[in-house]
Protein backbone atom coordinates (compact mmCIF):
# COMPACT_ATOMS: atom_id res chain seq x y z
CA UNK A 1 0.00 0.00 0.00
CA UNK A 2 1.47 3.34 -0.99
CA UNK A 3 0.28 5.27 2.09
CA UNK A 4 2.54 4.52 5.03
CA UNK A 5 1.94 5.63 8.60
CA UNK A 6 5.02 7.04 10.30
CA UNK A 7 3.23 7.31 13.62
CA UNK A 8 6.11 5.70 15.51
CA UNK A 9 8.42 8.53 14.48
CA UNK A 10 6.04 11.17 15.84
CA UNK A 11 5.47 9.21 19.05
CA UNK A 12 9.24 9.11 19.59
CA UNK A 13 9.54 12.84 18.88
CA UNK A 14 6.82 13.57 21.42
CA UNK A 15 8.30 11.06 23.89
CA UNK A 16 4.91 9.39 24.19
CA UNK A 17 4.07 5.71 24.48
CA UNK A 18 1.53 4.10 22.20
CA UNK A 19 -0.45 3.03 25.26
CA UNK A 20 -0.83 6.67 26.33
CA UNK A 21 -1.89 7.80 22.85
CA UNK A 22 -4.46 5.01 22.59
CA UNK A 23 -5.93 5.98 25.94
CA UNK A 24 -6.09 9.68 25.08
CA UNK A 25 -7.80 9.17 21.71
CA UNK A 26 -10.16 6.47 22.92
CA UNK A 27 -9.09 3.42 20.96
CA UNK A 28 -7.69 0.10 22.11
CA UNK A 29 -3.98 -0.60 22.19
CA UNK A 30 -4.64 -3.40 19.71
CA UNK A 31 -6.24 -1.00 17.22
CA UNK A 32 -3.37 1.44 17.60
CA UNK A 33 -0.89 -1.38 17.10
CA UNK A 34 -2.65 -2.37 13.86
CA UNK A 35 -2.48 1.26 12.69
CA UNK A 36 1.20 1.51 13.54
CA UNK A 37 2.02 -1.70 11.67
CA UNK A 38 0.02 -0.73 8.58
CA UNK A 39 -2.31 -3.70 8.85
CA UNK A 40 -5.47 -1.64 8.40
CA UNK A 41 -7.05 -0.54 5.13
CA UNK A 42 -8.43 2.73 6.44
CA UNK A 43 -8.91 5.09 9.33
CA UNK A 44 -11.76 7.40 10.26
CA UNK A 45 -11.05 11.08 9.87
CA UNK A 46 -12.16 11.63 13.45
CA UNK A 47 -9.47 9.20 14.64
CA UNK A 48 -6.87 10.94 12.48
CA UNK A 49 -7.96 14.30 13.88
CA UNK A 50 -7.65 13.04 17.46
CA UNK A 51 -4.18 11.64 16.81
CA UNK A 52 -3.07 14.94 15.30
CA UNK A 53 -4.58 16.95 18.17
CA UNK A 54 -2.86 14.87 20.85
CA UNK A 55 0.49 14.79 19.03
CA UNK A 56 0.17 18.43 17.92
CA UNK A 57 0.94 17.59 14.31
CA UNK A 58 -0.69 17.44 10.88
CA UNK A 59 -1.70 14.32 8.92
CA UNK A 60 1.37 14.85 6.70
CA UNK A 61 3.58 14.48 9.76
CA UNK A 62 2.37 10.94 10.42
CA UNK A 63 1.65 9.70 6.88
CA UNK A 64 3.65 9.52 3.70
CA UNK A 65 2.88 8.43 0.17
CA UNK A 66 5.23 6.05 -1.61
CA UNK A 67 4.60 5.87 -5.34
CA UNK A 68 3.84 2.43 -6.72
CA UNK A 69 3.08 2.04 -10.45
CA UNK A 70 0.96 -1.04 -9.68
CA UNK A 71 -1.51 1.16 -7.80
CA UNK A 72 -1.96 3.34 -10.89
CA UNK A 73 -2.62 0.28 -13.02
CA UNK A 74 -5.32 -0.86 -10.58
CA UNK A 75 -7.04 2.54 -10.87
CA UNK A 76 -6.87 2.48 -14.67
CA UNK A 77 -8.47 -0.98 -14.70
CA UNK A 78 -11.58 0.32 -12.93
PDB file of N, CA and C in Angstrom:
ATOM      1  N   UNK A   1       0.857  -1.176   0.000  1.00  0.00           N
ATOM      2  CA  UNK A   1       0.000   0.000   0.000  1.00  0.00           C
ATOM      3  C   UNK A   1       0.900   1.234   0.000  1.00  0.00           C
ATOM      4  N   UNK A   2       0.588   2.191  -0.844  1.00  0.00           N
ATOM      5  CA  UNK A   2       1.471   3.338  -0.988  1.00  0.00           C
ATOM      6  C   UNK A   2       1.400   4.370   0.143  1.00  0.00           C
ATOM      7  N   UNK A   3       0.359   4.341   0.960  1.00  0.00           N
ATOM      8  CA  UNK A   3       0.279   5.270   2.085  1.00  0.00           C
ATOM      9  C   UNK A   3       0.814   4.560   3.321  1.00  0.00           C
ATOM     10  N   UNK A   4       1.854   5.140   3.900  1.00  0.00           N
ATOM     11  CA  UNK A   4       2.539   4.520   5.030  1.00  0.00           C
ATOM     12  C   UNK A   4       2.413   5.426   6.251  1.00  0.00           C
ATOM     13  N   UNK A   5       2.016   4.852   7.370  1.00  0.00           N
ATOM     14  CA  UNK A   5       1.940   5.626   8.605  1.00  0.00           C
ATOM     15  C   UNK A   5       3.313   5.665   9.266  1.00  0.00           C
ATOM     16  N   UNK A   6       3.747   6.852   9.602  1.00  0.00           N
ATOM     17  CA  UNK A   6       5.016   7.043  10.303  1.00  0.00           C
ATOM     18  C   UNK A   6       4.721   7.514  11.726  1.00  0.00           C
ATOM     19  N   UNK A   7       3.694   6.942  12.287  1.00  0.00           N
ATOM     20  CA  UNK A   7       3.232   7.306  13.618  1.00  0.00           C
ATOM     21  C   UNK A   7       4.298   7.058  14.687  1.00  0.00           C
ATOM     22  N   UNK A   8       5.063   6.003  14.533  1.00  0.00           N
ATOM     23  CA  UNK A   8       6.113   5.695  15.511  1.00  0.00           C
ATOM     24  C   UNK A   8       7.144   6.816  15.622  1.00  0.00           C
ATOM     25  N   UNK A   9       7.455   7.429  14.490  1.00  0.00           N
ATOM     26  CA  UNK A   9       8.424   8.531  14.485  1.00  0.00           C
ATOM     27  C   UNK A   9       7.894   9.692  15.311  1.00  0.00           C
ATOM     28  N   UNK A  10       6.629  10.049  15.106  1.00  0.00           N
ATOM     29  CA  UNK A  10       6.043  11.174  15.837  1.00  0.00           C
ATOM     30  C   UNK A  10       5.895  10.839  17.319  1.00  0.00           C
ATOM     31  N   UNK A  11       5.545   9.610  17.635  1.00  0.00           N
ATOM     32  CA  UNK A  11       5.468   9.207  19.045  1.00  0.00           C
ATOM     33  C   UNK A  11       6.830   9.366  19.719  1.00  0.00           C
ATOM     34  N   UNK A  12       7.886   8.973  19.031  1.00  0.00           N
ATOM     35  CA  UNK A  12       9.238   9.108  19.587  1.00  0.00           C
ATOM     36  C   UNK A  12       9.600  10.583  19.767  1.00  0.00           C
ATOM     37  N   UNK A  13       9.254  11.408  18.777  1.00  0.00           N
ATOM     38  CA  UNK A  13       9.545  12.845  18.884  1.00  0.00           C
ATOM     39  C   UNK A  13       8.823  13.478  20.072  1.00  0.00           C
ATOM     40  N   UNK A  14       7.626  13.010  20.329  1.00  0.00           N
ATOM     41  CA  UNK A  14       6.824  13.573  21.419  1.00  0.00           C
ATOM     42  C   UNK A  14       7.090  12.858  22.746  1.00  0.00           C
ATOM     43  N   UNK A  15       7.964  11.849  22.695  1.00  0.00           N
ATOM     44  CA  UNK A  15       8.296  11.059  23.889  1.00  0.00           C
ATOM     45  C   UNK A  15       7.029  10.508  24.553  1.00  0.00           C
ATOM     46  N   UNK A  16       6.179   9.930  23.713  1.00  0.00           N
ATOM     47  CA  UNK A  16       4.906   9.391  24.185  1.00  0.00           C
ATOM     48  C   UNK A  16       4.843   7.904  23.841  1.00  0.00           C
ATOM     49  N   UNK A  17       4.269   7.134  24.708  1.00  0.00           N
ATOM     50  CA  UNK A  17       4.072   5.708  24.479  1.00  0.00           C
ATOM     51  C   UNK A  17       2.761   5.500  23.733  1.00  0.00           C
ATOM     52  N   UNK A  18       2.737   4.443  22.939  1.00  0.00           N
ATOM     53  CA  UNK A  18       1.530   4.104  22.205  1.00  0.00           C
ATOM     54  C   UNK A  18       0.350   3.888  23.131  1.00  0.00           C
ATOM     55  N   UNK A  19       0.603   3.289  24.266  1.00  0.00           N
ATOM     56  CA  UNK A  19      -0.450   3.030  25.258  1.00  0.00           C
ATOM     57  C   UNK A  19      -1.107   4.338  25.691  1.00  0.00           C
ATOM     58  N   UNK A  20      -0.292   5.374  25.903  1.00  0.00           N
ATOM     59  CA  UNK A  20      -0.828   6.673  26.326  1.00  0.00           C
ATOM     60  C   UNK A  20      -1.641   7.328  25.220  1.00  0.00           C
ATOM     61  N   UNK A  21      -1.150   7.230  23.979  1.00  0.00           N
ATOM     62  CA  UNK A  21      -1.890   7.798  22.853  1.00  0.00           C
ATOM     63  C   UNK A  21      -3.234   7.094  22.689  1.00  0.00           C
ATOM     64  N   UNK A  22      -3.227   5.772  22.738  1.00  0.00           N
ATOM     65  CA  UNK A  22      -4.462   5.007  22.586  1.00  0.00           C
ATOM     66  C   UNK A  22      -5.491   5.427  23.636  1.00  0.00           C
ATOM     67  N   UNK A  23      -5.032   5.582  24.856  1.00  0.00           N
ATOM     68  CA  UNK A  23      -5.927   5.977  25.944  1.00  0.00           C
ATOM     69  C   UNK A  23      -6.503   7.378  25.700  1.00  0.00           C
ATOM     70  N   UNK A  24      -5.651   8.294  25.264  1.00  0.00           N
ATOM     71  CA  UNK A  24      -6.094   9.683  25.082  1.00  0.00           C
ATOM     72  C   UNK A  24      -7.040   9.864  23.902  1.00  0.00           C
ATOM     73  N   UNK A  25      -6.909   9.020  22.862  1.00  0.00           N
ATOM     74  CA  UNK A  25      -7.799   9.175  21.711  1.00  0.00           C
ATOM     75  C   UNK A  25      -8.987   8.221  21.747  1.00  0.00           C
ATOM     76  N   UNK A  26      -8.999   7.333  22.732  1.00  0.00           N
ATOM     77  CA  UNK A  26     -10.165   6.470  22.924  1.00  0.00           C
ATOM     78  C   UNK A  26     -10.234   5.251  22.022  1.00  0.00           C
ATOM     79  N   UNK A  27      -9.080   4.682  21.690  1.00  0.00           N
ATOM     80  CA  UNK A  27      -9.087   3.416  20.958  1.00  0.00           C
ATOM     81  C   UNK A  27      -8.267   2.401  21.745  1.00  0.00           C
ATOM     82  N   UNK A  28      -8.425   1.135  21.398  1.00  0.00           N
ATOM     83  CA  UNK A  28      -7.689   0.095  22.115  1.00  0.00           C
ATOM     84  C   UNK A  28      -6.224   0.086  21.679  1.00  0.00           C
ATOM     85  N   UNK A  29      -5.392  -0.453  22.532  1.00  0.00           N
ATOM     86  CA  UNK A  29      -3.978  -0.596  22.185  1.00  0.00           C
ATOM     87  C   UNK A  29      -3.813  -1.504  20.971  1.00  0.00           C
ATOM     88  N   UNK A  30      -4.690  -2.480  20.854  1.00  0.00           N
ATOM     89  CA  UNK A  30      -4.644  -3.396  19.714  1.00  0.00           C
ATOM     90  C   UNK A  30      -4.902  -2.647  18.419  1.00  0.00           C
ATOM     91  N   UNK A  31      -5.936  -1.787  18.419  1.00  0.00           N
ATOM     92  CA  UNK A  31      -6.241  -1.005  17.220  1.00  0.00           C
ATOM     93  C   UNK A  31      -5.088  -0.080  16.867  1.00  0.00           C
ATOM     94  N   UNK A  32      -4.493   0.561  17.862  1.00  0.00           N
ATOM     95  CA  UNK A  32      -3.368   1.445  17.604  1.00  0.00           C
ATOM     96  C   UNK A  32      -2.186   0.644  17.053  1.00  0.00           C
ATOM     97  N   UNK A  33      -1.965  -0.534  17.578  1.00  0.00           N
ATOM     98  CA  UNK A  33      -0.886  -1.384  17.097  1.00  0.00           C
ATOM     99  C   UNK A  33      -1.096  -1.754  15.628  1.00  0.00           C
ATOM    100  N   UNK A  34      -2.335  -2.054  15.258  1.00  0.00           N
ATOM    101  CA  UNK A  34      -2.646  -2.368  13.864  1.00  0.00           C
ATOM    102  C   UNK A  34      -2.399  -1.161  12.970  1.00  0.00           C
ATOM    103  N   UNK A  35      -2.754   0.026  13.443  1.00  0.00           N
ATOM    104  CA  UNK A  35      -2.484   1.260  12.690  1.00  0.00           C
ATOM    105  C   UNK A  35      -0.982   1.453  12.499  1.00  0.00           C
ATOM    106  N   UNK A  36      -0.249   1.288  13.574  1.00  0.00           N
ATOM    107  CA  UNK A  36       1.196   1.510  13.539  1.00  0.00           C
ATOM    108  C   UNK A  36       1.895   0.528  12.608  1.00  0.00           C
ATOM    109  N   UNK A  37       1.392  -0.682  12.509  1.00  0.00           N
ATOM    110  CA  UNK A  37       2.022  -1.700  11.674  1.00  0.00           C
ATOM    111  C   UNK A  37       1.537  -1.657  10.224  1.00  0.00           C
ATOM    112  N   UNK A  38       0.536  -0.830   9.944  1.00  0.00           N
ATOM    113  CA  UNK A  38       0.024  -0.728   8.580  1.00  0.00           C
ATOM    114  C   UNK A  38      -0.890  -1.862   8.175  1.00  0.00           C
ATOM    115  N   UNK A  39      -1.459  -2.550   9.149  1.00  0.00           N
ATOM    116  CA  UNK A  39      -2.308  -3.697   8.853  1.00  0.00           C
ATOM    117  C   UNK A  39      -3.784  -3.335   8.728  1.00  0.00           C
ATOM    118  N   UNK A  40      -4.093  -2.065   8.592  1.00  0.00           N
ATOM    119  CA  UNK A  40      -5.475  -1.644   8.398  1.00  0.00           C
ATOM    120  C   UNK A  40      -5.606  -1.031   7.012  1.00  0.00           C
ATOM    121  N   UNK A  41      -6.802  -1.085   6.459  1.00  0.00           N
ATOM    122  CA  UNK A  41      -7.053  -0.537   5.129  1.00  0.00           C
ATOM    123  C   UNK A  41      -7.512   0.915   5.176  1.00  0.00           C
ATOM    124  N   UNK A  42      -7.945   1.368   6.337  1.00  0.00           N
ATOM    125  CA  UNK A  42      -8.435   2.735   6.440  1.00  0.00           C
ATOM    126  C   UNK A  42      -8.505   3.194   7.882  1.00  0.00           C
ATOM    127  N   UNK A  43      -8.794   4.483   8.011  1.00  0.00           N
ATOM    128  CA  UNK A  43      -8.906   5.088   9.330  1.00  0.00           C
ATOM    129  C   UNK A  43      -9.951   6.191   9.228  1.00  0.00           C
ATOM    130  N   UNK A  44     -10.767   6.331  10.242  1.00  0.00           N
ATOM    131  CA  UNK A  44     -11.763   7.398  10.261  1.00  0.00           C
ATOM    132  C   UNK A  44     -11.067   8.743  10.415  1.00  0.00           C
ATOM    133  N   UNK A  45     -11.625   9.747   9.758  1.00  0.00           N
ATOM    134  CA  UNK A  45     -11.049  11.084   9.873  1.00  0.00           C
ATOM    135  C   UNK A  45     -11.079  11.585  11.310  1.00  0.00           C
ATOM    136  N   UNK A  46     -12.080  11.194  12.060  1.00  0.00           N
ATOM    137  CA  UNK A  46     -12.163  11.630  13.450  1.00  0.00           C
ATOM    138  C   UNK A  46     -11.000  11.049  14.256  1.00  0.00           C
ATOM    139  N   UNK A  47     -10.619   9.809  13.964  1.00  0.00           N
ATOM    140  CA  UNK A  47      -9.467   9.195  14.640  1.00  0.00           C
ATOM    141  C   UNK A  47      -8.187   9.908  14.242  1.00  0.00           C
ATOM    142  N   UNK A  48      -8.044  10.200  12.959  1.00  0.00           N
ATOM    143  CA  UNK A  48      -6.873  10.936  12.482  1.00  0.00           C
ATOM    144  C   UNK A  48      -6.790  12.310  13.146  1.00  0.00           C
ATOM    145  N   UNK A  49      -7.922  12.975  13.245  1.00  0.00           N
ATOM    146  CA  UNK A  49      -7.960  14.297  13.879  1.00  0.00           C
ATOM    147  C   UNK A  49      -7.549  14.224  15.350  1.00  0.00           C
ATOM    148  N   UNK A  50      -8.018  13.198  16.047  1.00  0.00           N
ATOM    149  CA  UNK A  50      -7.655  13.043  17.461  1.00  0.00           C
ATOM    150  C   UNK A  50      -6.165  12.778  17.621  1.00  0.00           C
ATOM    151  N   UNK A  51      -5.615  11.930  16.756  1.00  0.00           N
ATOM    152  CA  UNK A  51      -4.178  11.643  16.806  1.00  0.00           C
ATOM    153  C   UNK A  51      -3.388  12.934  16.598  1.00  0.00           C
ATOM    154  N   UNK A  52      -3.781  13.689  15.595  1.00  0.00           N
ATOM    155  CA  UNK A  52      -3.073  14.941  15.300  1.00  0.00           C
ATOM    156  C   UNK A  52      -3.210  15.952  16.435  1.00  0.00           C
ATOM    157  N   UNK A  53      -4.371  16.010  17.058  1.00  0.00           N
ATOM    158  CA  UNK A  53      -4.582  16.947  18.166  1.00  0.00           C
ATOM    159  C   UNK A  53      -3.687  16.588  19.354  1.00  0.00           C
ATOM    160  N   UNK A  54      -3.652  15.306  19.697  1.00  0.00           N
ATOM    161  CA  UNK A  54      -2.861  14.871  20.846  1.00  0.00           C
ATOM    162  C   UNK A  54      -1.365  15.035  20.572  1.00  0.00           C
ATOM    163  N   UNK A  55      -0.932  14.713  19.364  1.00  0.00           N
ATOM    164  CA  UNK A  55       0.492  14.789  19.030  1.00  0.00           C
ATOM    165  C   UNK A  55       0.909  16.177  18.527  1.00  0.00           C
ATOM    166  N   UNK A  56      -0.085  17.066  18.410  1.00  0.00           N
ATOM    167  CA  UNK A  56       0.173  18.430  17.921  1.00  0.00           C
ATOM    168  C   UNK A  56       0.937  18.397  16.602  1.00  0.00           C
ATOM    169  N   UNK A  57       0.317  17.730  15.621  1.00  0.00           N
ATOM    170  CA  UNK A  57       0.935  17.585  14.308  1.00  0.00           C
ATOM    171  C   UNK A  57      -0.145  17.656  13.235  1.00  0.00           C
ATOM    172  N   UNK A  58       0.252  17.497  11.993  1.00  0.00           N
ATOM    173  CA  UNK A  58      -0.691  17.443  10.881  1.00  0.00           C
ATOM    174  C   UNK A  58      -0.689  16.025  10.311  1.00  0.00           C
ATOM    175  N   UNK A  59      -1.696  15.661   9.512  1.00  0.00           N
ATOM    176  CA  UNK A  59      -1.701  14.325   8.916  1.00  0.00           C
ATOM    177  C   UNK A  59      -0.421  14.025   8.129  1.00  0.00           C
ATOM    178  N   UNK A  60       0.136  15.035   7.465  1.00  0.00           N
ATOM    179  CA  UNK A  60       1.366  14.846   6.701  1.00  0.00           C
ATOM    180  C   UNK A  60       2.573  14.513   7.559  1.00  0.00           C
ATOM    181  N   UNK A  61       2.478  14.812   8.849  1.00  0.00           N
ATOM    182  CA  UNK A  61       3.575  14.480   9.761  1.00  0.00           C
ATOM    183  C   UNK A  61       3.583  13.013  10.153  1.00  0.00           C
ATOM    184  N   UNK A  62       2.449  12.338   9.994  1.00  0.00           N
ATOM    185  CA  UNK A  62       2.371  10.936  10.417  1.00  0.00           C
ATOM    186  C   UNK A  62       2.041   9.979   9.274  1.00  0.00           C
ATOM    187  N   UNK A  63       1.928  10.525   8.050  1.00  0.00           N
ATOM    188  CA  UNK A  63       1.648   9.698   6.881  1.00  0.00           C
ATOM    189  C   UNK A  63       2.555  10.125   5.741  1.00  0.00           C
ATOM    190  N   UNK A  64       2.918   9.175   4.915  1.00  0.00           N
ATOM    191  CA  UNK A  64       3.647   9.521   3.703  1.00  0.00           C
ATOM    192  C   UNK A  64       3.160   8.640   2.562  1.00  0.00           C
ATOM    193  N   UNK A  65       3.294   9.151   1.360  1.00  0.00           N
ATOM    194  CA  UNK A  65       2.882   8.428   0.168  1.00  0.00           C
ATOM    195  C   UNK A  65       4.115   7.928  -0.557  1.00  0.00           C
ATOM    196  N   UNK A  66       4.131   6.645  -0.849  1.00  0.00           N
ATOM    197  CA  UNK A  66       5.227   6.050  -1.609  1.00  0.00           C
ATOM    198  C   UNK A  66       4.668   5.556  -2.936  1.00  0.00           C
ATOM    199  N   UNK A  67       5.109   6.181  -4.016  1.00  0.00           N
ATOM    200  CA  UNK A  67       4.601   5.870  -5.345  1.00  0.00           C
ATOM    201  C   UNK A  67       4.817   4.409  -5.697  1.00  0.00           C
ATOM    202  N   UNK A  68       3.785   3.809  -6.257  1.00  0.00           N
ATOM    203  CA  UNK A  68       3.844   2.426  -6.724  1.00  0.00           C
ATOM    204  C   UNK A  68       3.060   2.360  -8.031  1.00  0.00           C
ATOM    205  N   UNK A  69       3.727   2.084  -9.136  1.00  0.00           N
ATOM    206  CA  UNK A  69       3.084   2.041 -10.449  1.00  0.00           C
ATOM    207  C   UNK A  69       1.950   1.022 -10.499  1.00  0.00           C
ATOM    208  N   UNK A  70       2.026  -0.034  -9.709  1.00  0.00           N
ATOM    209  CA  UNK A  70       0.962  -1.038  -9.682  1.00  0.00           C
ATOM    210  C   UNK A  70      -0.352  -0.446  -9.198  1.00  0.00           C
ATOM    211  N   UNK A  71      -0.287   0.520  -8.290  1.00  0.00           N
ATOM    212  CA  UNK A  71      -1.507   1.156  -7.803  1.00  0.00           C
ATOM    213  C   UNK A  71      -2.188   1.939  -8.916  1.00  0.00           C
ATOM    214  N   UNK A  72      -1.411   2.577  -9.777  1.00  0.00           N
ATOM    215  CA  UNK A  72      -1.957   3.335 -10.886  1.00  0.00           C
ATOM    216  C   UNK A  72      -2.631   2.408 -11.875  1.00  0.00           C
ATOM    217  N   UNK A  73      -2.023   1.256 -12.112  1.00  0.00           N
ATOM    218  CA  UNK A  73      -2.617   0.275 -13.024  1.00  0.00           C
ATOM    219  C   UNK A  73      -3.953  -0.222 -12.483  1.00  0.00           C
ATOM    220  N   UNK A  74      -4.072  -0.404 -11.176  1.00  0.00           N
ATOM    221  CA  UNK A  74      -5.324  -0.856 -10.580  1.00  0.00           C
ATOM    222  C   UNK A  74      -6.408   0.188 -10.764  1.00  0.00           C
ATOM    223  N   UNK A  75      -6.075   1.471 -10.673  1.00  0.00           N
ATOM    224  CA  UNK A  75      -7.043   2.544 -10.871  1.00  0.00           C
ATOM    225  C   UNK A  75      -7.480   2.594 -12.327  1.00  0.00           C
ATOM    226  N   UNK A  76      -6.546   2.452 -13.251  1.00  0.00           N
ATOM    227  CA  UNK A  76      -6.867   2.484 -14.670  1.00  0.00           C
ATOM    228  C   UNK A  76      -7.774   1.324 -15.078  1.00  0.00           C
ATOM    229  N   UNK A  77      -7.665   0.197 -14.391  1.00  0.00           N
ATOM    230  CA  UNK A  77      -8.467  -0.981 -14.704  1.00  0.00           C
ATOM    231  C   UNK A  77      -9.925  -0.802 -14.308  1.00  0.00           C
ATOM    232  N   UNK A  78     -10.201   0.123 -13.403  1.00  0.00           N
ATOM    233  CA  UNK A  78     -11.584   0.325 -12.931  1.00  0.00           C
ATOM    234  C   UNK A  78     -12.343   1.064 -13.916  1.00  0.00           C
TER     235      UNK A  78
END
